[in-house]
Amino acid sequence: MQVKDLTIEELKLLIQETVAETIQSLIVDPDEGKQIKPEVKQQLLHSLQRTQTGERGIPVEEVAKKLGLIW
């Protein structure tokens, strides 16, 4: 069956189903159920602690420059 053979209602339903499937695929967490390596968890906690004490990270402009991006 081709799109040209669909009725307006069938086309609307097809679009609705496609949109619903796309949204569902975007909201599923691909990392759900996976474990964080202890060293990664420690790095994240350390980064959070530094942020909470007011320590600043690398400026976004510097990161963009290192990656060859225009910011």
Protein backbone atom coordinates (compact mmCIF):
# COMPACT_ATOMS: atom_id res chain seq x y z
CA MET A 1 0.00 0.00 0.00
CA GLN A 2 1.23 3.47 -0.81
CA VAL A 3 0.47 6.76 0.90
CA LYS A 4 -1.49 7.88 -2.15
CA ASP A 5 -3.90 4.98 -1.56
CA LEU A 6 -4.72 6.01 2.03
CA THR A 7 -7.82 7.88 3.06
CA ILE A 8 -7.37 11.10 5.00
CA GLU A 9 -8.35 9.30 8.21
CA GLU A 10 -5.89 6.48 7.53
CA LEU A 11 -3.14 9.00 6.83
CA LYS A 12 -3.92 10.89 10.04
CA LEU A 13 -3.79 7.63 12.00
CA LEU A 14 -0.48 6.69 10.39
CA ILE A 15 0.98 10.10 11.29
CA GLN A 16 -0.31 9.86 14.86
CA GLU A 17 1.20 6.39 15.29
CA THR A 18 4.50 7.53 13.81
CA VAL A 19 4.65 10.57 16.11
CA ALA A 20 3.77 8.43 19.16
CA GLU A 21 6.47 5.88 18.29
CA THR A 22 9.03 8.65 17.77
CA ILE A 23 8.22 10.31 21.09
CA GLN A 24 8.36 6.96 22.88
CA SER A 25 11.78 6.24 21.38
CA LEU A 26 13.03 9.62 22.59
CA ILE A 27 11.87 9.27 26.19
CA VAL A 28 13.23 5.77 26.77
CA ASP A 29 16.45 5.86 28.77
CA PRO A 30 18.97 3.68 26.90
CA ASP A 31 21.07 3.43 30.08
CA GLU A 32 18.22 2.25 32.29
CA GLY A 33 19.30 -0.70 34.39
CA LYS A 34 22.98 -0.24 33.64
CA GLN A 35 25.49 0.28 36.42
CA ILE A 36 27.89 3.21 36.65
CA LYS A 37 31.50 2.18 37.05
CA PRO A 38 32.80 3.09 40.52
CA GLU A 39 35.51 5.36 39.09
CA VAL A 40 32.96 7.26 36.98
CA LYS A 41 30.64 7.62 39.98
CA GLN A 42 33.56 8.96 42.02
CA GLN A 43 34.44 11.48 39.29
CA LEU A 44 30.83 12.67 39.12
CA LEU A 45 30.61 13.04 42.89
CA HIS A 46 33.92 14.92 42.97
CA SER A 47 32.69 17.23 40.19
CA LEU A 48 29.45 17.86 42.09
CA GLN A 49 31.37 18.67 45.28
CA ARG A 50 33.62 21.13 43.43
CA THR A 51 30.57 22.82 41.91
CA GLN A 52 28.82 23.05 45.27
CA THR A 53 31.87 24.75 46.81
CA GLY A 54 31.80 27.36 44.03
CA GLU A 55 34.71 26.05 41.98
CA ARG A 56 34.30 26.91 38.34
CA GLY A 57 34.91 24.45 35.54
CA ILE A 58 36.35 25.00 32.11
CA PRO A 59 34.65 27.91 30.31
CA VAL A 60 32.36 26.79 27.49
CA GLU A 61 34.28 28.96 25.04
CA GLU A 62 37.49 27.05 25.83
CA VAL A 63 35.79 23.68 25.43
CA ALA A 64 34.25 24.78 22.12
CA LYS A 65 37.62 26.00 20.86
CA LYS A 66 39.31 22.69 21.77
CA LEU A 67 36.57 20.83 19.87
CA GLY A 68 36.83 23.14 16.88
CA LEU A 69 33.36 24.56 17.43
CA ILE A 70 32.24 28.15 17.00
CA TRP A 71 30.51 29.37 20.15
